[in-house]
N, C-alpha and C. Protein backbone atom coordinates (compact mmCIF):
# COMPACT_ATOMS: atom_id res chain seq x y z
N GLY A 1 9.55 -72.04 -217.02
CA GLY A 1 9.20 -72.70 -215.93
C GLY A 1 10.20 -73.31 -216.12
N GLY A 2 11.70 -72.58 -216.05
CA GLY A 2 12.53 -73.42 -215.43
C GLY A 2 13.29 -73.42 -214.64
N GLN A 3 12.99 -73.05 -213.12
CA GLN A 3 13.06 -73.22 -212.22
C GLN A 3 12.64 -74.31 -211.70
N GLY A 4 11.10 -74.11 -211.73
CA GLY A 4 10.34 -76.01 -211.79
C GLY A 4 11.08 -76.82 -211.96
N MET A 5 11.67 -77.28 -213.89
CA MET A 5 12.71 -78.34 -213.53
C MET A 5 13.41 -78.96 -213.23
N TYR A 6 14.67 -77.38 -212.88
CA TYR A 6 16.06 -77.58 -212.16
C TYR A 6 15.21 -77.86 -210.72
N GLY A 7 14.89 -77.79 -210.09
CA GLY A 7 13.72 -77.71 -208.61
C GLY A 7 13.67 -79.50 -209.24
N GLY A 8 12.50 -79.78 -209.33
CA GLY A 8 12.85 -81.27 -210.04
C GLY A 8 14.11 -82.39 -210.18
N MET A 9 14.46 -81.83 -210.53
CA MET A 9 15.93 -82.75 -210.80
C MET A 9 16.76 -82.66 -209.44
N MET A 10 16.67 -81.42 -208.91
CA MET A 10 17.83 -82.09 -207.58
C MET A 10 16.89 -82.53 -207.02
N GLY A 11 15.36 -82.43 -206.41
CA GLY A 11 15.29 -83.61 -205.50
C GLY A 11 14.62 -84.48 -205.88
N GLY A 12 14.45 -85.40 -206.83
CA GLY A 12 14.43 -86.13 -207.57
C GLY A 12 15.63 -87.65 -207.92
N GLY A 13 16.17 -88.41 -208.61
CA GLY A 13 16.85 -89.43 -209.08
C GLY A 13 17.31 -89.39 -207.96
N LEU A 14 18.69 -89.95 -207.91
CA LEU A 14 19.78 -90.41 -207.63
C LEU A 14 19.97 -89.91 -205.83
N GLY A 15 20.24 -88.69 -205.86
CA GLY A 15 20.17 -88.43 -203.67
C GLY A 15 18.78 -89.20 -202.91
N LEU A 16 17.84 -89.20 -203.25
CA LEU A 16 16.56 -89.74 -202.70
C LEU A 16 16.93 -91.28 -202.50
N ASP A 17 17.31 -92.65 -203.60
CA ASP A 17 18.41 -93.55 -203.79
C ASP A 17 18.92 -93.98 -202.47
N ILE A 18 20.26 -92.66 -202.55
CA ILE A 18 21.22 -93.21 -201.88
C ILE A 18 20.86 -93.06 -199.96
N ASN A 19 20.03 -92.01 -200.30
CA ASN A 19 19.69 -91.61 -198.50
C ASN A 19 18.85 -92.94 -197.91
N SER A 20 17.89 -92.88 -198.80
CA SER A 20 17.30 -94.15 -198.61
C SER A 20 17.06 -95.71 -198.16
N PHE A 21 19.01 -95.66 -198.85
CA PHE A 21 19.92 -96.51 -198.51
C PHE A 21 20.98 -96.85 -197.17
N GLY A 22 20.55 -96.01 -196.19
CA GLY A 22 20.93 -96.00 -195.12
C GLY A 22 22.80 -95.33 -195.40
N GLY A 23 23.80 -94.69 -196.32
CA GLY A 23 24.59 -94.33 -196.79
C GLY A 23 25.46 -95.36 -197.41
N LEU A 24 24.54 -96.71 -197.82
CA LEU A 24 25.60 -98.14 -199.15
C LEU A 24 26.42 -97.81 -197.78
N PRO A 25 26.30 -98.86 -197.42
CA PRO A 25 26.94 -99.93 -196.27
C PRO A 25 28.84 -99.65 -196.59
N GLY A 26 28.33 -100.28 -197.97
CA GLY A 26 30.54 -100.27 -198.14
C GLY A 26 30.89 -99.27 -197.60
N GLN A 27 30.73 -98.04 -197.44
CA GLN A 27 31.84 -96.76 -197.93
C GLN A 27 32.78 -96.82 -196.74
N HIS A 28 31.69 -97.68 -194.98
CA HIS A 28 32.80 -97.39 -194.29
C HIS A 28 34.20 -98.46 -193.80
N GLY A 29 34.45 -99.61 -195.00
CA GLY A 29 34.83 -100.81 -194.53
C GLY A 29 35.42 -100.62 -195.09
N MET A 30 35.61 -99.86 -196.37
CA MET A 30 36.47 -98.93 -198.26
C MET A 30 37.52 -97.90 -196.74
N GLN A 31 36.80 -97.62 -197.05
CA GLN A 31 37.78 -96.30 -195.71
C GLN A 31 38.44 -96.69 -194.74
N GLN A 32 38.19 -98.00 -193.83
CA GLN A 32 39.30 -98.27 -192.91
C GLN A 32 40.27 -99.84 -193.55
N GLY A 33 40.71 -100.23 -195.03
CA GLY A 33 41.05 -100.52 -195.87
C GLY A 33 40.87 -102.12 -195.91
N GLY A 34 39.73 -102.39 -195.85
CA GLY A 34 39.17 -103.71 -195.65
C GLY A 34 40.25 -104.25 -194.52
N MET A 35 40.84 -102.81 -192.97
CA MET A 35 41.99 -104.27 -191.78
C MET A 35 40.93 -105.11 -191.09
N GLY A 36 40.96 -105.20 -190.43
CA GLY A 36 40.34 -106.79 -189.27
C GLY A 36 38.69 -106.71 -189.18
N GLY A 37 38.34 -106.10 -190.55
CA GLY A 37 36.32 -105.95 -190.95
C GLY A 37 36.46 -107.64 -191.79
N GLY A 38 37.76 -108.26 -191.78
CA GLY A 38 37.59 -109.42 -192.70
C GLY A 38 36.63 -110.77 -192.11
N ALA A 39 36.28 -110.88 -191.29
CA ALA A 39 35.31 -111.28 -190.64
C ALA A 39 33.61 -110.99 -191.01
N GLY A 40 33.59 -110.02 -191.74
CA GLY A 40 32.02 -108.83 -192.44
C GLY A 40 31.99 -109.61 -193.67
N GLN A 41 32.96 -110.27 -194.06
CA GLN A 41 33.46 -110.23 -195.13
C GLN A 41 32.95 -111.23 -195.84
N ILE A 42 32.43 -111.66 -197.72
CA ILE A 42 32.10 -112.30 -198.24
C ILE A 42 32.54 -112.69 -199.64
N THR A 43 32.36 -113.61 -200.24
CA THR A 43 33.12 -114.12 -201.41
C THR A 43 32.29 -114.71 -202.03
N MET A 44 31.05 -114.30 -203.28
CA MET A 44 30.35 -114.72 -204.21
C MET A 44 30.69 -114.98 -205.78
N LYS A 45 30.39 -116.26 -206.01
CA LYS A 45 31.18 -116.43 -207.24
C LYS A 45 30.24 -116.84 -208.38
N LEU A 46 29.75 -116.05 -209.53
CA LEU A 46 28.79 -116.32 -210.50
C LEU A 46 29.34 -117.22 -212.14
N ALA A 47 29.03 -117.09 -212.74
CA ALA A 47 29.58 -117.34 -213.83
C ALA A 47 29.26 -116.64 -214.64
N ILE A 48 29.15 -115.89 -215.96
CA ILE A 48 28.71 -115.14 -216.53
C ILE A 48 29.46 -115.18 -218.72
N ALA A 49 28.47 -115.26 -219.73
CA ALA A 49 29.71 -115.59 -221.02
C ALA A 49 30.08 -115.65 -221.48
N GLU A 50 31.89 -115.90 -221.94
CA GLU A 50 32.47 -114.10 -222.62
C GLU A 50 31.90 -113.60 -223.21
N THR A 51 30.36 -113.95 -224.22
CA THR A 51 30.13 -112.26 -224.56
C THR A 51 29.54 -111.76 -224.24
N SER A 52 29.31 -111.59 -222.53
CA SER A 52 28.78 -111.13 -221.95
C SER A 52 29.81 -110.03 -220.88
N VAL A 53 30.91 -110.40 -220.59
CA VAL A 53 32.14 -109.85 -220.60
C VAL A 53 32.08 -108.48 -220.55
N GLY A 54 32.46 -107.86 -222.11
CA GLY A 54 32.35 -106.63 -222.59
C GLY A 54 30.24 -105.83 -222.22
N ILE A 55 29.55 -106.52 -221.86
CA ILE A 55 28.53 -106.01 -220.69
C ILE A 55 28.52 -105.11 -219.28
N LEU A 56 29.31 -106.66 -218.72
CA LEU A 56 29.16 -105.99 -217.51
C LEU A 56 30.59 -105.24 -217.34
N VAL A 57 31.91 -105.54 -218.24
CA VAL A 57 32.45 -103.62 -217.07
C VAL A 57 32.77 -102.94 -217.80
N GLY A 58 31.94 -102.51 -219.23
CA GLY A 58 32.12 -101.58 -220.03
C GLY A 58 33.20 -101.00 -220.45
N LYS A 59 33.28 -100.19 -221.25
CA LYS A 59 33.93 -99.43 -221.75
C LYS A 59 34.78 -99.46 -220.27
N ALA A 60 36.68 -99.51 -221.19
CA ALA A 60 37.97 -99.48 -219.81
C ALA A 60 36.77 -99.20 -218.42
N GLY A 61 35.79 -100.16 -218.43
CA GLY A 61 35.28 -100.81 -216.64
C GLY A 61 34.83 -100.05 -216.53
N CYS A 62 34.26 -99.03 -216.81
CA CYS A 62 33.28 -97.95 -216.76
C CYS A 62 31.68 -97.91 -215.57
N VAL A 63 30.93 -99.16 -216.48
CA VAL A 63 29.96 -100.56 -215.57
C VAL A 63 30.53 -100.55 -214.20
N ILE A 64 31.43 -101.54 -214.26
CA ILE A 64 31.93 -102.07 -212.99
C ILE A 64 32.29 -101.80 -212.14
N LYS A 65 32.88 -100.14 -212.59
CA LYS A 65 33.23 -99.39 -211.68
C LYS A 65 32.37 -99.02 -211.11
N GLU A 66 30.80 -98.20 -211.53
CA GLU A 66 29.98 -98.11 -211.80
C GLU A 66 29.47 -99.07 -210.62
N LEU A 67 29.49 -100.00 -210.52
CA LEU A 67 28.37 -100.64 -210.10
C LEU A 67 29.29 -101.12 -208.84
N MET A 68 30.28 -100.94 -208.84
CA MET A 68 31.32 -101.42 -207.27
C MET A 68 31.27 -100.02 -206.88
N GLN A 69 31.02 -98.64 -207.29
CA GLN A 69 30.49 -98.10 -206.42
C GLN A 69 28.97 -97.46 -205.54
N ILE A 70 28.03 -97.99 -206.79
CA ILE A 70 26.92 -98.24 -205.99
C ILE A 70 26.80 -98.84 -205.01
N SER A 71 27.03 -100.31 -204.57
CA SER A 71 27.05 -101.18 -204.44
C SER A 71 28.12 -101.76 -202.83
N GLY A 72 29.23 -100.97 -203.19
CA GLY A 72 30.22 -101.46 -202.13
C GLY A 72 31.34 -102.26 -202.26
N ALA A 73 30.70 -102.84 -202.69
CA ALA A 73 31.35 -104.33 -203.02
C ALA A 73 32.39 -104.73 -204.41
N ASN A 74 33.31 -104.85 -203.67
CA ASN A 74 34.30 -105.45 -205.47
C ASN A 74 34.05 -105.94 -205.90
N ILE A 75 34.17 -106.24 -207.50
CA ILE A 75 33.57 -107.07 -208.19
C ILE A 75 34.91 -107.58 -208.93
N LYS A 76 35.29 -108.34 -210.07
CA LYS A 76 36.32 -108.78 -210.48
C LYS A 76 35.89 -109.99 -211.37
N VAL A 77 36.68 -109.97 -212.53
CA VAL A 77 36.10 -110.42 -213.79
C VAL A 77 37.67 -111.33 -213.41
N SER A 78 37.26 -112.82 -213.91
CA SER A 78 38.47 -113.88 -214.18
C SER A 78 38.66 -113.11 -215.41
N GLN A 79 40.24 -113.32 -215.49
CA GLN A 79 41.04 -113.28 -217.63
C GLN A 79 40.65 -114.67 -218.02
N LYS A 80 40.76 -114.30 -219.72
CA LYS A 80 40.44 -114.65 -220.58
C LYS A 80 40.56 -116.03 -220.46
N GLY A 81 41.95 -116.27 -219.20
CA GLY A 81 42.09 -117.78 -219.50
C GLY A 81 40.89 -118.89 -218.43
N GLU A 82 40.77 -117.45 -217.35
CA GLU A 82 40.50 -119.05 -216.25
C GLU A 82 39.26 -118.85 -216.23
N VAL A 83 38.55 -119.94 -216.42
CA VAL A 83 36.89 -119.95 -217.71
C VAL A 83 36.53 -121.39 -216.46
N VAL A 84 35.32 -121.21 -216.57
CA VAL A 84 34.11 -122.12 -215.88
C VAL A 84 34.83 -123.69 -216.54
N PRO A 85 35.65 -124.69 -216.09
CA PRO A 85 35.68 -125.90 -216.50
C PRO A 85 34.80 -126.42 -217.20
N GLY A 86 34.94 -126.97 -218.45
CA GLY A 86 33.87 -127.00 -219.54
C GLY A 86 33.53 -126.79 -220.71
N THR A 87 33.64 -125.23 -220.22
CA THR A 87 33.15 -123.76 -220.89
C THR A 87 33.99 -122.99 -221.46
N THR A 88 33.19 -121.91 -221.68
CA THR A 88 34.21 -120.51 -222.14
C THR A 88 33.65 -119.56 -221.08
N ASN A 89 32.18 -120.24 -219.91
CA ASN A 89 32.29 -119.10 -219.03
C ASN A 89 33.67 -117.85 -218.81
N ARG A 90 32.89 -117.01 -217.89
CA ARG A 90 34.16 -116.30 -217.38
C ARG A 90 34.11 -116.82 -216.28
N PHE A 91 34.49 -116.11 -214.32
CA PHE A 91 33.98 -116.12 -213.10
C PHE A 91 34.10 -114.89 -213.00
N VAL A 92 32.92 -114.10 -212.06
CA VAL A 92 33.09 -112.64 -211.85
C VAL A 92 33.21 -112.92 -209.98
N SER A 93 34.44 -112.50 -209.40
CA SER A 93 33.37 -112.87 -207.79
C SER A 93 33.61 -111.38 -207.42
N ILE A 94 32.44 -111.30 -206.59
CA ILE A 94 32.43 -110.37 -205.40
C ILE A 94 32.11 -110.24 -204.42
N THR A 95 33.07 -109.57 -203.85
CA THR A 95 33.74 -109.16 -202.55
C THR A 95 33.62 -108.65 -201.72
N GLY A 96 32.67 -108.52 -200.44
CA GLY A 96 31.92 -107.29 -198.99
C GLY A 96 31.61 -108.02 -198.38
N ASN A 97 31.16 -107.36 -197.59
CA ASN A 97 30.10 -107.40 -196.62
C ASN A 97 28.94 -108.32 -197.20
N PRO A 98 27.97 -108.89 -196.22
CA PRO A 98 26.74 -109.94 -196.59
C PRO A 98 26.48 -109.02 -197.52
N VAL A 99 25.63 -108.27 -197.26
CA VAL A 99 25.02 -106.46 -197.52
C VAL A 99 25.23 -105.87 -198.72
N ALA A 100 26.79 -106.12 -199.22
CA ALA A 100 27.41 -105.50 -199.46
C ALA A 100 27.54 -106.19 -201.21
N ALA A 101 26.93 -107.41 -201.35
CA ALA A 101 27.61 -108.06 -202.00
C ALA A 101 25.97 -109.04 -202.67
N ASN A 102 25.58 -109.63 -201.43
CA ASN A 102 24.57 -108.79 -201.74
C ASN A 102 23.62 -108.11 -203.11
N TYR A 103 23.73 -107.18 -202.60
CA TYR A 103 22.97 -106.10 -203.16
C TYR A 103 24.16 -105.49 -204.63
N ALA A 104 25.20 -105.91 -204.37
CA ALA A 104 26.28 -106.75 -206.21
C ALA A 104 25.59 -107.34 -206.59
N GLN A 105 25.32 -108.87 -206.31
CA GLN A 105 25.00 -109.40 -207.29
C GLN A 105 23.62 -109.70 -208.28
N MET A 106 22.82 -108.80 -207.22
CA MET A 106 21.51 -108.26 -208.37
C MET A 106 21.53 -107.41 -208.73
N LEU A 107 22.47 -106.42 -208.81
CA LEU A 107 23.48 -105.68 -210.14
C LEU A 107 23.76 -106.12 -211.17
N VAL A 108 24.93 -107.28 -210.92
CA VAL A 108 25.26 -107.87 -211.54
C VAL A 108 23.65 -108.76 -212.75
N LEU A 109 22.94 -109.60 -212.02
CA LEU A 109 22.53 -110.30 -212.85
C LEU A 109 21.73 -109.79 -213.25
N GLN A 110 21.55 -107.82 -213.58
CA GLN A 110 19.94 -107.32 -213.96
C GLN A 110 21.28 -106.54 -215.72
N LYS A 111 22.17 -106.87 -215.45
CA LYS A 111 23.00 -106.45 -216.10
C LYS A 111 23.36 -107.13 -217.20
N VAL A 112 22.93 -108.79 -216.16
CA VAL A 112 23.63 -109.85 -217.37
C VAL A 112 23.15 -110.91 -216.79
N PRO A 113 21.77 -110.98 -217.17
CA PRO A 113 20.54 -112.38 -216.25
C PRO A 113 21.48 -113.61 -216.73
N ASP A 114 21.73 -114.20 -217.64
CA ASP A 114 22.67 -115.59 -217.95
C ASP A 114 23.20 -115.60 -216.85
N ALA A 115 23.93 -114.88 -215.32
CA ALA A 115 24.82 -115.63 -215.03
C ALA A 115 24.61 -115.90 -214.10
N THR A 116 25.52 -117.20 -213.65
CA THR A 116 24.69 -118.46 -212.73
C THR A 116 26.05 -118.13 -211.38
N SER A 117 25.16 -118.67 -210.41
CA SER A 117 26.38 -118.64 -209.58
C SER A 117 26.82 -120.11 -210.00
N VAL A 118 28.25 -119.93 -209.27
CA VAL A 118 28.99 -121.16 -209.19
C VAL A 118 29.49 -121.42 -207.89
């Protein structure tokens, strides 16, 4: 039954997801280098607990890079010194077209459910 398993893997999983997404909105914008497409860009800000930064960023940034690839938006976590006033919470900035940014925010919230909008 080896072939059956292989066929199942090829047909399922990620490939279908991405196709149903209509080819990921962010990728066209990235190739243009964001030039001239500025009007469609929005920036959303979230605050996450310092203890959640490692969860969101991952080892050597692997998690946050994956989220950026999936969503097509740019996700940045503030430096250690840049915190929400009166707290130790760090900022997460999400930049992209509205579809990509909203999708990225949803992905961040899946990783870090205690994130809050700033």
